[in-house]
C-alpha atoms as a PDB file:
ATOM      1  CA  UNK A   1      -0.530   0.224   0.317  1.00  0.00           C
ATOM      2  CA  UNK A   2       0.840   3.490  -0.641  1.00  0.00           C
ATOM      3  CA  UNK A   3       2.182   6.062   1.732  1.00  0.00           C
ATOM      4  CA  UNK A   4      -0.138   8.424   0.689  1.00  0.00           C
ATOM      5  CA  UNK A   5      -3.280   5.997   1.313  1.00  0.00           C
ATOM      6  CA  UNK A   6      -2.335   4.333   4.148  1.00  0.00           C
ATOM      7  CA  UNK A   7      -2.191   8.112   5.904  1.00  0.00           C
ATOM      8  CA  UNK A   8      -5.756   8.687   4.048  1.00  0.00           C
ATOM      9  CA  UNK A   9      -7.172   5.815   5.696  1.00  0.00           C
ATOM     10  CA  UNK A  10      -5.576   6.828   8.806  1.00  0.00           C
ATOM     11  CA  UNK A  11      -7.270  10.007   8.939  1.00  0.00           C
ATOM     12  CA  UNK A  12     -10.652   8.867   7.473  1.00  0.00           C
ATOM     13  CA  UNK A  13     -10.717   6.455  10.704  1.00  0.00           C
ATOM     14  CA  UNK A  14      -9.633   8.748  13.186  1.00  0.00           C
ATOM     15  CA  UNK A  15     -12.637  10.981  11.546  1.00  0.00           C
ATOM     16  CA  UNK A  16     -15.471   8.103  11.722  1.00  0.00           C
ATOM     17  CA  UNK A  17     -14.559   7.864  15.839  1.00  0.00           C
ATOM     18  CA  UNK A  18     -13.560  11.711  17.042  1.00  0.00           C
ATOM     19  CA  UNK A  19     -17.021  12.851  14.917  1.00  0.00           C
ATOM     20  CA  UNK A  20     -19.424  10.397  15.001  1.00  0.00           C
ATOM     21  CA  UNK A  21     -22.818  10.908  13.783  1.00  0.00           C
ATOM     22  CA  UNK A  22     -26.467   9.066  15.083  1.00  0.00           C
ATOM     23  CA  UNK A  23     -24.849   5.588  14.490  1.00  0.00           C
ATOM     24  CA  UNK A  24     -29.083   4.015  15.015  1.00  0.00           C
ATOM     25  CA  UNK A  25     -27.091   1.101  16.280  1.00  0.00           C
ATOM     26  CA  UNK A  26     -30.400   0.456  18.720  1.00  0.00           C
ATOM     27  CA  UNK A  27     -33.548   0.480  17.210  1.00  0.00           C
ATOM     28  CA  UNK A  28     -36.514   0.317  20.181  1.00  0.00           C
ATOM     29  CA  UNK A  29     -39.428  -0.915  19.519  1.00  0.00           C
ATOM     30  CA  UNK A  30     -42.413  -0.231  21.469  1.00  0.00           C
ATOM     31  CA  UNK A  31     -45.336  -2.458  21.946  1.00  0.00           C
ATOM     32  CA  UNK A  32     -45.991  -4.985  20.853  1.00  0.00           C
ATOM     33  CA  UNK A  33     -43.353  -6.026  18.294  1.00  0.00           C
ATOM     34  CA  UNK A  34     -40.055  -5.711  20.544  1.00  0.00           C
ATOM     35  CA  UNK A  35     -41.875  -7.752  23.014  1.00  0.00           C
ATOM     36  CA  UNK A  36     -42.852 -10.666  20.354  1.00  0.00           C
ATOM     37  CA  UNK A  37     -38.957  -9.936  18.949  1.00  0.00           C
ATOM     38  CA  UNK A  38     -37.518 -10.705  22.461  1.00  0.00           C
ATOM     39  CA  UNK A  39     -39.211 -13.721  23.281  1.00  0.00           C
ATOM     40  CA  UNK A  40     -38.977 -15.315  19.849  1.00  0.00           C
ATOM     41  CA  UNK A  41     -35.252 -14.443  20.960  1.00  0.00           C
ATOM     42  CA  UNK A  42     -35.104 -16.331  24.004  1.00  0.00           C
ATOM     43  CA  UNK A  43     -36.852 -19.416  21.730  1.00  0.00           C
ATOM     44  CA  UNK A  44     -34.076 -19.222  19.312  1.00  0.00           C
ATOM     45  CA  UNK A  45     -31.646 -19.492  21.666  1.00  0.00           C
ATOM     46  CA  UNK A  46     -32.942 -22.302  23.618  1.00  0.00           C
ATOM     47  CA  UNK A  47     -33.447 -24.145  20.644  1.00  0.00           C
ATOM     48  CA  UNK A  48     -30.271 -23.712  19.072  1.00  0.00           C
ATOM     49  CA  UNK A  49     -28.759 -24.710  22.951  1.00  0.00           C
ATOM     50  CA  UNK A  50     -30.534 -27.670  22.516  1.00  0.00           C
ATOM     51  CA  UNK A  51     -29.610 -28.770  18.983  1.00  0.00           C
ATOM     52  CA  UNK A  52     -26.188 -27.708  20.232  1.00  0.00           C
ATOM     53  CA  UNK A  53     -26.088 -30.686  23.346  1.00  0.00           C
ATOM     54  CA  UNK A  54     -27.453 -33.139  20.814  1.00  0.00           C
ATOM     55  CA  UNK A  55     -25.130 -32.991  19.155  1.00  0.00           C
ATOM     56  CA  UNK A  56     -22.146 -33.272  21.122  1.00  0.00           C
ATOM     57  CA  UNK A  57     -23.928 -36.047  22.633  1.00  0.00           C
ATOM     58  CA  UNK A  58     -24.389 -37.469  19.504  1.00  0.00           C
ATOM     59  CA  UNK A  59     -20.955 -37.610  18.473  1.00  0.00           C
ATOM     60  CA  UNK A  60     -17.816 -39.212  19.269  1.00  0.00           C
ATOM     61  CA  UNK A  61     -16.687 -35.858  21.314  1.00  0.00           C
ATOM     62  CA  UNK A  62     -15.878 -37.076  24.647  1.00  0.00           C
ATOM     63  CA  UNK A  63     -13.941 -35.356  27.384  1.00  0.00           C
ATOM     64  CA  UNK A  64     -14.860 -33.509  30.648  1.00  0.00           C
ATOM     65  CA  UNK A  65     -14.851 -30.101  28.866  1.00  0.00           C
ATOM     66  CA  UNK A  66     -17.929 -31.526  26.280  1.00  0.00           C
ATOM     67  CA  UNK A  67     -19.848 -32.595  29.285  1.00  0.00           C
ATOM     68  CA  UNK A  68     -19.462 -28.960  30.577  1.00  0.00           C
ATOM     69  CA  UNK A  69     -20.469 -28.213  27.481  1.00  0.00           C
ATOM     70  CA  UNK A  70     -23.854 -30.080  27.593  1.00  0.00           C
ATOM     71  CA  UNK A  71     -24.938 -28.819  31.064  1.00  0.00           C
ATOM     72  CA  UNK A  72     -24.110 -24.889  30.007  1.00  0.00           C
ATOM     73  CA  UNK A  73     -26.722 -26.038  27.384  1.00  0.00           C
ATOM     74  CA  UNK A  74     -29.038 -27.396  29.242  1.00  0.00           C
ATOM     75  CA  UNK A  75     -28.737 -24.333  32.119  1.00  0.00           C
ATOM     76  CA  UNK A  76     -28.745 -21.443  29.488  1.00  0.00           C
ATOM     77  CA  UNK A  77     -31.619 -23.405  27.864  1.00  0.00           C
ATOM     78  CA  UNK A  78     -33.730 -23.684  30.995  1.00  0.00           C
ATOM     79  CA  UNK A  79     -32.550 -20.019  32.218  1.00  0.00           C
ATOM     80  CA  UNK A  80     -34.474 -19.141  28.684  1.00  0.00           C
ATOM     81  CA  UNK A  81     -37.747 -20.933  29.497  1.00  0.00           C
ATOM     82  CA  UNK A  82     -37.535 -18.943  32.591  1.00  0.00           C
ATOM     83  CA  UNK A  83     -36.950 -15.406  31.426  1.00  0.00           C
ATOM     84  CA  UNK A  84     -39.243 -16.743  28.569  1.00  0.00           C
ATOM     85  CA  UNK A  85     -42.189 -16.861  31.296  1.00  0.00           C
ATOM     86  CA  UNK A  86     -41.364 -14.132  33.277  1.00  0.00           C
ATOM     87  CA  UNK A  87     -41.405 -11.895  30.806  1.00  0.00           C
ATOM     88  CA  UNK A  88     -45.285 -12.814  29.794  1.00  0.00           C
ATOM     89  CA  UNK A  89     -45.804 -12.852  33.744  1.00  0.00           C
ATOM     90  CA  UNK A  90     -44.670  -9.429  34.163  1.00  0.00           C
ATOM     91  CA  UNK A  91     -46.432  -8.443  31.212  1.00  0.00           C
ATOM     92  CA  UNK A  92     -49.681  -9.854  32.948  1.00  0.00           C
ATOM     93  CA  UNK A  93     -49.570  -8.497  36.244  1.00  0.00           C
ATOM     94  CA  UNK A  94     -51.308  -5.662  37.304  1.00  0.00           C
ATOM     95  CA  UNK A  95     -50.040  -2.199  38.018  1.00  0.00           C
ATOM     96  CA  UNK A  96     -50.678  -1.507  40.827  1.00  0.00           C
ATOM     97  CA  UNK A  97     -48.519  -5.161  41.707  1.00  0.00           C
ATOM     98  CA  UNK A  98     -45.070  -3.466  41.829  1.00  0.00           C
ATOM     99  CA  UNK A  99     -43.790  -0.521  43.623  1.00  0.00           C
ATOM    100  CA  UNK A 100     -40.646   1.338  43.260  1.00  0.00           C
ATOM    101  CA  UNK A 101     -39.820   2.377  46.615  1.00  0.00           C
ATOM    102  CA  UNK A 102     -36.038   3.588  46.513  1.00  0.00           C
ATOM    103  CA  UNK A 103     -36.147   4.500  42.969  1.00  0.00           C
ATOM    104  CA  UNK A 104     -35.280   2.312  39.721  1.00  0.00           C
ATOM    105  CA  UNK A 105     -33.339  -0.666  41.196  1.00  0.00           C
ATOM    106  CA  UNK A 106     -36.087  -1.598  44.137  1.00  0.00           C
ATOM    107  CA  UNK A 107     -39.456  -3.214  42.906  1.00  0.00           C
ATOM    108  CA  UNK A 108     -41.458  -4.328  45.302  1.00  0.00           C
ATOM    109  CA  UNK A 109     -44.531  -6.553  45.297  1.00  0.00           C
ATOM    110  CA  UNK A 110     -47.290  -5.161  46.697  1.00  0.00           C
ATOM    111  CA  UNK A 111     -49.664  -7.122  49.170  1.00  0.00           C
ATOM    112  CA  UNK A 112     -52.112  -9.053  48.318  1.00  0.00           C
ATOM    113  CA  UNK A 113     -49.148 -11.814  46.391  1.00  0.00           C
ATOM    114  CA  UNK A 114     -51.294 -14.141  44.145  1.00  0.00           C
ATOM    115  CA  UNK A 115     -49.915 -17.506  42.365  1.00  0.00           C
ATOM    116  CA  UNK A 116     -49.204 -14.660  39.224  1.00  0.00           C
ATOM    117  CA  UNK A 117     -46.683 -12.135  41.396  1.00  0.00           C
ATOM    118  CA  UNK A 118     -45.274 -15.115  42.865  1.00  0.00           C
ATOM    119  CA  UNK A 119     -44.095 -16.425  39.342  1.00  0.00           C
ATOM    120  CA  UNK A 120     -42.957 -13.357  38.142  1.00  0.00           C
ATOM    121  CA  UNK A 121     -40.589 -13.256  41.173  1.00  0.00           C
ATOM    122  CA  UNK A 122     -39.419 -16.451  41.130  1.00  0.00           C
ATOM    123  CA  UNK A 123     -38.826 -15.795  37.776  1.00  0.00           C
ATOM    124  CA  UNK A 124     -36.624 -12.783  38.658  1.00  0.00           C
ATOM    125  CA  UNK A 125     -34.405 -14.825  40.599  1.00  0.00           C
ATOM    126  CA  UNK A 126     -33.324 -15.725  36.674  1.00  0.00           C
ATOM    127  CA  UNK A 127     -29.520 -15.158  38.018  1.00  0.00           C
ATOM    128  CA  UNK A 128     -29.467 -18.686  40.107  1.00  0.00           C
ATOM    129  CA  UNK A 129     -29.485 -19.998  36.923  1.00  0.00           C
ATOM    130  CA  UNK A 130     -27.529 -17.949  34.303  1.00  0.00           C
ATOM    131  CA  UNK A 131     -24.717 -17.531  36.371  1.00  0.00           C
ATOM    132  CA  UNK A 132     -23.887 -21.397  36.664  1.00  0.00           C
ATOM    133  CA  UNK A 133     -24.324 -21.376  33.266  1.00  0.00           C
ATOM    134  CA  UNK A 134     -21.617 -18.941  32.822  1.00  0.00           C
ATOM    135  CA  UNK A 135     -19.750 -21.184  35.146  1.00  0.00           C
ATOM    136  CA  UNK A 136     -19.733 -23.545  33.368  1.00  0.00           C
ATOM    137  CA  UNK A 137     -18.760 -22.383  30.273  1.00  0.00           C
ATOM    138  CA  UNK A 138     -15.671 -21.282  32.013  1.00  0.00           C
ATOM    139  CA  UNK A 139     -14.753 -24.328  32.628  1.00  0.00           C
ATOM    140  CA  UNK A 140     -15.141 -25.546  29.248  1.00  0.00           C
ATOM    141  CA  UNK A 141     -12.675 -22.550  28.016  1.00  0.00           C
ATOM    142  CA  UNK A 142     -10.396 -24.089  30.765  1.00  0.00           C
ATOM    143  CA  UNK A 143     -10.614 -27.730  29.631  1.00  0.00           C
ATOM    144  CA  UNK A 144     -10.205 -26.976  26.006  1.00  0.00           C
ATOM    145  CA  UNK A 145      -7.490 -24.666  26.347  1.00  0.00           C
ATOM    146  CA  UNK A 146      -5.914 -27.630  29.077  1.00  0.00           C
ATOM    147  CA  UNK A 147      -6.080 -30.225  26.103  1.00  0.00           C
ATOM    148  CA  UNK A 148      -4.745 -27.615  23.709  1.00  0.00           C
ATOM    149  CA  UNK A 149      -2.119 -27.034  25.777  1.00  0.00           C
ATOM    150  CA  UNK A 150      -1.230 -30.949  26.896  1.00  0.00           C
ATOM    151  CA  UNK A 151      -1.619 -31.203  22.483  1.00  0.00           C
ATOM    152  CA  UNK A 152       0.822 -28.746  21.782  1.00  0.00           C
ATOM    153  CA  UNK A 153       3.293 -29.690  24.207  1.00  0.00           C
ATOM    154  CA  UNK A 154       3.252 -33.489  23.098  1.00  0.00           C
ATOM    155  CA  UNK A 155       3.762 -32.590  19.386  1.00  0.00           C
ATOM    156  CA  UNK A 156       7.830 -32.815  18.765  1.00  0.00           C
ATOM    157  CA  UNK A 157       9.563 -29.396  17.476  1.00  0.00           C
ATOM    158  CA  UNK A 158      10.511 -29.309  13.699  1.00  0.00           C
END
């Protein structure tokens, strides 16, 4: 590449970074299509994780990393189902069932609490599924990295 082309490319990239305009990277949709797209994304993610878990199980892949990958897939599928149900429960709640006392981050259920309120509350505990899933993903990556290191150490240098 000629020096002037390199300089022009560098100036152009710097101009893009330093003089931004509206990127429109986030497109928010109001009800109901935003909700429908979000729910479809949960379903698609869950189905793809189940397909991956099935594919890993059917293949000849063995080892601790692959078992952890299947566990990750099942936990994240469970999280998707809980989140899907939680979103439906949140939409079905009466507006008077929730109160924000200390601002945006403190949401409280207002008595009397019925089964839909309880379902919403339990669905809000979805991090109890997603955090262990991410931990299993960490174990997957660590096992694959150790497997790769062991393979590289056993190969003779040419």
